[in-house]
């Protein structure tokens, strides 16, 4: 349960980027479901490359199972993009990814097709793919991006915070997912999305995703998130870093990492920021209209709120 902006909501642990032997994963769909069920997950989305799965053939082990697909339309400057498509029909047509002309950009076509069937389309691991923020910003109808992707950490490109903040600075306050993008054992259970809604149903989960009613994490948990009358407050599991991030060069923090590296950083479990004071006229160099909270625990694991509009 979480107090999410004044609403008492359930939280459902979700992995929304999942591969199996249907494409290039090590595990069969049923094996993937069993592994995540044992770990305590509540929601899964099967997103094999260019292929959907027949959900009736998969034992979800009590979890809510969504149909999805990962699409790879041509991206112009970068040859292929990776678009995470959630809640699409099992007969969703992947042929629109066919690249007919060198250098063409077909990403918008895929985003439009996903939205037309009531799904959501996220830009997957943009740093790993080599995409710039302005290329993502040119797309209309994206639901968000991935802020963390476990599978891409092996080449040092797991985090996408800079691209996320650049998009926010452009006025696109995208929410962001943390995912495993599981292909093999080393990808399991290291990044997930906590969906905050009333019940674990496809309708409620999809509505929460559309409205940004979730946060992303590698381990730390939020217990309360509040923003009223210019005051932001949050409570969370113990962390050594709790920093508000905006398009200012200086963050505002309740706790900062111990740069000495001697393990003596104190832990905090809450923070409170008065945005009216932090961003009052004459105090800031440039206009700020958003912020997000980023917390990090003693093991170096992050959690992120979605961007919040500054009133």
Protein backbone atom coordinates (compact mmCIF):
# COMPACT_ATOMS: atom_id res chain seq x y z
CA UNK A 1 0.00 0.00 0.00
CA UNK A 2 1.22 3.51 -0.80
CA UNK A 3 -0.12 6.99 -0.12
CA UNK A 4 0.18 8.23 -3.68
CA UNK A 5 -0.68 11.93 -3.81
CA UNK A 6 -3.46 11.58 -1.28
CA UNK A 7 -4.83 8.26 -2.53
CA UNK A 8 -4.32 5.00 -0.65
CA UNK A 9 -3.42 2.60 -3.44
CA UNK A 10 -2.09 -0.93 -3.75
CA UNK A 11 1.31 -1.42 -5.32
CA UNK A 12 1.93 -4.16 -7.86
CA UNK A 13 5.45 -5.24 -8.75
CA UNK A 14 5.73 -5.46 -12.52
CA UNK A 15 8.27 -6.46 -15.14
CA UNK A 16 7.06 -4.96 -18.40
CA UNK A 17 9.93 -5.98 -20.69
CA UNK A 18 10.25 -9.77 -20.94
CA UNK A 19 11.72 -12.15 -23.52
CA UNK A 20 11.43 -15.90 -23.90
CA UNK A 21 12.29 -18.67 -26.35
CA UNK A 22 9.56 -17.22 -28.56
CA UNK A 23 12.31 -14.85 -29.69
CA UNK A 24 15.82 -14.80 -28.19
CA UNK A 25 15.35 -15.56 -24.48
CA UNK A 26 16.81 -18.53 -22.62
CA UNK A 27 13.60 -19.45 -20.81
CA UNK A 28 10.30 -20.66 -22.21
CA UNK A 29 7.30 -18.39 -21.49
CA UNK A 30 6.14 -20.76 -18.73
CA UNK A 31 9.61 -20.87 -17.16
CA UNK A 32 9.78 -17.06 -17.14
CA UNK A 33 6.41 -16.87 -15.42
CA UNK A 34 7.40 -19.39 -12.77
CA UNK A 35 10.63 -17.53 -11.96
CA UNK A 36 8.95 -14.16 -11.53
CA UNK A 37 6.03 -15.60 -9.58
CA UNK A 38 8.43 -17.17 -7.08
CA UNK A 39 10.11 -13.77 -6.67
CA UNK A 40 6.80 -12.15 -5.73
CA UNK A 41 5.91 -10.26 -8.91
CA UNK A 42 2.30 -9.33 -9.59
CA UNK A 43 2.26 -8.19 -13.23
CA UNK A 44 4.17 -9.38 -16.29
CA UNK A 45 4.17 -8.35 -19.93
CA UNK A 46 5.55 -10.68 -22.59
CA UNK A 47 7.42 -8.55 -25.13
CA UNK A 48 9.32 -10.87 -27.43
CA UNK A 49 11.05 -9.39 -30.46
CA UNK A 50 8.62 -8.97 -33.37
CA UNK A 51 6.41 -11.76 -32.02
CA UNK A 52 3.48 -11.91 -29.65
CA UNK A 53 2.63 -14.88 -27.46
CA UNK A 54 -0.69 -16.69 -27.12
CA UNK A 55 -1.49 -15.93 -23.49
CA UNK A 56 -3.88 -18.87 -23.18
CA UNK A 57 -0.87 -21.19 -23.63
CA UNK A 58 1.04 -19.61 -20.71
CA UNK A 59 0.58 -20.40 -17.02
CA UNK A 60 0.84 -16.97 -15.37
CA UNK A 61 1.15 -18.55 -11.89
CA UNK A 62 -1.40 -16.12 -10.45
CA UNK A 63 0.14 -12.98 -11.94
CA UNK A 64 -1.63 -10.57 -14.29
CA UNK A 65 -0.22 -11.29 -17.75
CA UNK A 66 -0.32 -8.66 -20.51
CA UNK A 67 0.25 -9.19 -24.20
CA UNK A 68 3.11 -7.21 -25.67
CA UNK A 69 5.81 -7.08 -28.32
CA UNK A 70 9.13 -5.34 -28.90
CA UNK A 71 9.20 -3.65 -32.29
CA UNK A 72 12.24 -2.50 -34.26
CA UNK A 73 11.24 0.06 -36.87
CA UNK A 74 13.87 1.95 -38.83
CA UNK A 75 14.95 5.05 -36.97
CA UNK A 76 16.59 7.24 -39.59
CA UNK A 77 20.09 8.18 -38.37
CA UNK A 78 20.23 5.05 -36.20
CA UNK A 79 19.16 2.09 -38.32
CA UNK A 80 16.88 0.35 -35.83
CA UNK A 81 14.95 1.50 -32.79
CA UNK A 82 13.54 -0.61 -29.96
CA UNK A 83 9.94 0.23 -29.05
CA UNK A 84 8.30 -1.55 -26.12
CA UNK A 85 4.64 -2.11 -26.93
CA UNK A 86 2.35 -3.04 -24.01
CA UNK A 87 -1.20 -4.45 -24.15
CA UNK A 88 -1.40 -5.07 -27.88
CA UNK A 89 -3.56 -7.82 -29.47
CA UNK A 90 -2.00 -11.23 -29.90
CA UNK A 91 -2.35 -10.81 -33.68
CA UNK A 92 -0.60 -7.43 -33.74
CA UNK A 93 1.04 -6.94 -37.14
CA UNK A 94 4.83 -6.70 -36.86
CA UNK A 95 5.34 -6.35 -40.62
CA UNK A 96 5.24 -2.55 -40.35
CA UNK A 97 8.82 -2.81 -39.07
CA UNK A 98 10.02 -3.85 -42.53
CA UNK A 99 12.66 -1.36 -43.69
CA UNK A 100 12.19 -0.60 -47.37
CA UNK A 101 14.48 2.39 -47.89
CA UNK A 102 17.87 3.00 -46.30
CA UNK A 103 17.70 5.85 -43.80
CA UNK A 104 13.92 5.94 -43.53
CA UNK A 105 12.20 6.55 -40.21
CA UNK A 106 9.19 4.35 -39.43
CA UNK A 107 9.03 4.82 -35.67
CA UNK A 108 6.00 7.09 -35.74
CA UNK A 109 4.11 4.50 -37.76
CA UNK A 110 4.62 1.93 -35.01
CA UNK A 111 3.68 4.35 -32.21
CA UNK A 112 0.49 5.24 -34.06
CA UNK A 113 -0.38 1.58 -34.65
CA UNK A 114 0.07 0.71 -30.97
CA UNK A 115 -2.04 3.64 -29.82
CA UNK A 116 -4.75 2.75 -32.33
CA UNK A 117 -5.31 -0.64 -30.65
CA UNK A 118 -5.34 0.79 -27.11
CA UNK A 119 -1.77 -0.12 -26.22
CA UNK A 120 1.11 1.93 -24.85
CA UNK A 121 4.45 2.45 -26.57
CA UNK A 122 7.68 3.17 -24.64
CA UNK A 123 11.13 3.92 -26.04
CA UNK A 124 13.32 1.09 -24.77
CA UNK A 125 16.92 1.63 -23.57
CA UNK A 126 17.57 4.74 -25.73
CA UNK A 127 21.18 5.11 -24.52
CA UNK A 128 21.99 1.54 -25.53
CA UNK A 129 20.35 2.12 -28.92
CA UNK A 130 22.29 5.34 -29.51
CA UNK A 131 19.31 7.67 -29.82
CA UNK A 132 19.40 11.34 -28.90
CA UNK A 133 16.73 13.09 -26.89
CA UNK A 134 15.64 15.24 -29.83
CA UNK A 135 15.02 12.14 -31.94
CA UNK A 136 12.74 10.73 -29.27
CA UNK A 137 11.05 14.11 -28.74
CA UNK A 138 10.06 14.16 -32.44
CA UNK A 139 7.71 11.21 -31.85
CA UNK A 140 4.10 11.92 -30.96
CA UNK A 141 2.10 9.65 -28.69
CA UNK A 142 4.91 7.92 -26.78
CA UNK A 143 3.90 6.79 -23.29
CA UNK A 144 7.43 7.24 -21.89
CA UNK A 145 10.92 5.73 -21.87
CA UNK A 146 12.95 3.26 -19.82
CA UNK A 147 15.07 4.91 -17.14
CA UNK A 148 16.79 1.62 -16.25
CA UNK A 149 17.25 -1.58 -18.24
CA UNK A 150 19.00 -4.53 -16.59
CA UNK A 151 19.98 -6.32 -19.78
CA UNK A 152 22.01 -3.38 -21.13
CA UNK A 153 24.18 -2.92 -18.04
CA UNK A 154 26.88 -5.27 -19.32
CA UNK A 155 28.12 -2.56 -21.72
CA UNK A 156 27.62 0.26 -19.22
CA UNK A 157 24.41 1.67 -20.73
CA UNK A 158 21.76 0.58 -18.25
CA UNK A 159 20.75 4.08 -17.08
CA UNK A 160 18.95 6.69 -19.17
CA UNK A 161 18.60 9.57 -16.68
CA UNK A 162 20.31 12.21 -18.82
CA UNK A 163 18.12 11.52 -21.85
CA UNK A 164 15.07 11.50 -19.55
CA UNK A 165 15.97 14.89 -18.10
CA UNK A 166 16.70 16.35 -21.53
CA UNK A 167 13.21 15.29 -22.65
CA UNK A 168 11.69 16.84 -19.53
CA UNK A 169 13.62 20.04 -20.20
CA UNK A 170 12.02 20.11 -23.66
CA UNK A 171 8.60 20.12 -22.00
CA UNK A 172 7.98 16.38 -22.40
CA UNK A 173 7.53 15.19 -18.84
CA UNK A 174 7.65 11.52 -19.77
CA UNK A 175 7.18 8.93 -17.04
CA UNK A 176 9.79 6.18 -17.07
CA UNK A 177 9.95 2.43 -16.44
CA UNK A 178 12.61 0.26 -14.84
CA UNK A 179 12.74 -3.19 -16.43
CA UNK A 180 14.77 -6.38 -16.58
CA UNK A 181 14.51 -6.90 -20.35
CA UNK A 182 15.21 -10.46 -19.31
CA UNK A 183 16.98 -12.75 -21.77
CA UNK A 184 19.15 -14.89 -19.48
CA UNK A 185 19.73 -15.61 -15.76
CA UNK A 186 21.93 -12.56 -15.20
CA UNK A 187 18.99 -10.29 -16.09
CA UNK A 188 16.57 -11.44 -13.42
CA UNK A 189 14.94 -9.25 -10.75
CA UNK A 190 17.21 -6.18 -10.87
CA UNK A 191 14.81 -3.47 -12.06
CA UNK A 192 11.04 -3.19 -11.94
CA UNK A 193 8.04 -0.86 -11.91
CA UNK A 194 5.75 -0.47 -8.91
CA UNK A 195 2.30 0.21 -10.36
CA UNK A 196 0.02 2.11 -7.96
CA UNK A 197 -3.68 1.40 -8.50
CA UNK A 198 -6.79 0.07 -6.78
CA UNK A 199 -6.78 -3.47 -8.11
CA UNK A 200 -4.73 -5.85 -10.21
CA UNK A 201 -6.75 -5.86 -13.40
CA UNK A 202 -5.79 -5.05 -16.97
CA UNK A 203 -8.05 -1.99 -16.96
CA UNK A 204 -6.65 -0.56 -13.71
CA UNK A 205 -3.02 -1.35 -14.53
CA UNK A 206 -3.27 0.20 -17.99
CA UNK A 207 -5.00 3.27 -16.60
CA UNK A 208 -2.23 3.66 -14.00
CA UNK A 209 0.44 3.39 -16.70
CA UNK A 210 -1.32 5.95 -18.89
CA UNK A 211 -1.56 8.39 -16.00
CA UNK A 212 1.94 7.89 -14.58
CA UNK A 213 0.61 6.31 -11.39
CA UNK A 214 3.78 4.32 -10.71
CA UNK A 215 7.42 4.61 -9.79
CA UNK A 216 10.50 2.71 -10.93
CA UNK A 217 13.06 1.00 -8.74
CA UNK A 218 15.98 -1.35 -8.35
CA UNK A 219 15.12 -1.99 -4.71
CA UNK A 220 14.18 1.09 -2.62
CA UNK A 221 10.45 1.56 -2.04
CA UNK A 222 8.34 4.67 -1.71
CA UNK A 223 5.72 4.64 1.04
CA UNK A 224 4.24 8.09 0.48
CA UNK A 225 4.55 10.71 -2.24
CA UNK A 226 2.78 14.04 -1.80
CA UNK A 227 2.81 17.40 -3.58
CA UNK A 228 0.34 19.99 -2.34
CA UNK A 229 0.47 23.80 -2.33
CA UNK A 230 4.06 23.81 -3.49
CA UNK A 231 5.29 21.41 -0.80
CA UNK A 232 6.76 18.08 -1.84
CA UNK A 233 7.06 15.29 0.74
CA UNK A 234 8.08 11.65 0.45
CA UNK A 235 8.65 8.70 2.74
CA UNK A 236 10.63 5.65 1.69
CA UNK A 237 12.73 2.73 2.84
CA UNK A 238 16.19 3.69 4.21
CA UNK A 239 18.49 5.34 1.65
CA UNK A 240 21.77 7.23 1.73
CA UNK A 241 20.86 9.63 -1.08
CA UNK A 242 17.61 11.52 -1.67
CA UNK A 243 18.03 14.18 -4.32
CA UNK A 244 15.50 16.28 -6.18
CA UNK A 245 16.43 16.70 -9.82
CA UNK A 246 15.21 19.49 -12.11
CA UNK A 247 16.76 21.46 -14.96
CA UNK A 248 18.80 23.45 -12.46
CA UNK A 249 22.51 22.69 -12.25
CA UNK A 250 22.19 22.16 -8.50
CA UNK A 251 19.93 19.51 -7.03
CA UNK A 252 18.06 19.92 -3.77
CA UNK A 253 18.69 17.11 -1.34
CA UNK A 254 17.70 15.59 1.97
CA UNK A 255 20.79 13.38 1.89
CA UNK A 256 23.72 13.11 -0.48
CA UNK A 257 26.12 10.22 -1.14
CA UNK A 258 29.21 10.02 1.03
CA UNK A 259 31.94 10.87 -1.45
CA UNK A 260 34.64 9.66 0.95
CA UNK A 261 33.49 6.11 0.32
CA UNK A 262 34.04 5.05 3.93
CA UNK A 263 30.53 3.69 4.40
CA UNK A 264 29.60 6.32 6.98
CA UNK A 265 26.81 8.02 5.03
CA UNK A 266 23.72 8.43 7.24
CA UNK A 267 20.45 6.93 6.10
CA UNK A 268 17.21 8.88 5.74
CA UNK A 269 13.63 7.70 5.31
CA UNK A 270 11.85 10.94 4.36
CA UNK A 271 12.27 14.32 2.74
CA UNK A 272 10.40 17.62 2.44
CA UNK A 273 11.02 20.39 -0.09
CA UNK A 274 9.29 23.76 -0.39
CA UNK A 275 9.25 24.36 -4.14
CA UNK A 276 7.97 27.91 -3.65
CA UNK A 277 11.20 28.76 -1.85
CA UNK A 278 13.53 26.72 -4.04
CA UNK A 279 12.22 28.12 -7.31
CA UNK A 280 11.03 31.60 -6.35
CA UNK A 281 11.69 34.41 -8.88
CA UNK A 282 15.20 35.78 -8.71
CA UNK A 283 16.63 32.71 -7.00
CA UNK A 284 16.89 30.44 -10.01
CA UNK A 285 18.95 31.14 -13.11
CA UNK A 286 16.51 29.52 -15.52
CA UNK A 287 12.82 28.76 -15.32
CA UNK A 288 11.99 25.34 -13.86
CA UNK A 289 8.67 23.65 -14.37
CA UNK A 290 9.39 20.07 -13.27
CA UNK A 291 11.34 17.98 -10.80
CA UNK A 292 11.68 14.33 -9.89
CA UNK A 293 13.01 12.58 -6.79
CA UNK A 294 15.83 10.07 -7.10
CA UNK A 295 16.82 7.97 -4.11
CA UNK A 296 19.75 5.56 -3.74
CA UNK A 297 20.26 3.01 -0.98
CA UNK A 298 23.48 1.78 0.65
CA UNK A 299 23.80 -0.94 -2.00
CA UNK A 300 23.76 1.66 -4.78
CA UNK A 301 20.24 0.75 -5.95
CA UNK A 302 18.08 3.56 -7.32
CA UNK A 303 14.40 4.43 -7.29
CA UNK A 304 12.75 7.25 -9.23
CA UNK A 305 9.49 9.15 -9.03
CA UNK A 306 7.99 10.29 -12.29
CA UNK A 307 8.41 13.99 -13.16
CA UNK A 308 6.19 16.35 -11.21
CA UNK A 309 4.96 19.67 -12.55
CA UNK A 310 6.01 22.59 -10.34
CA UNK A 311 3.00 24.67 -9.32
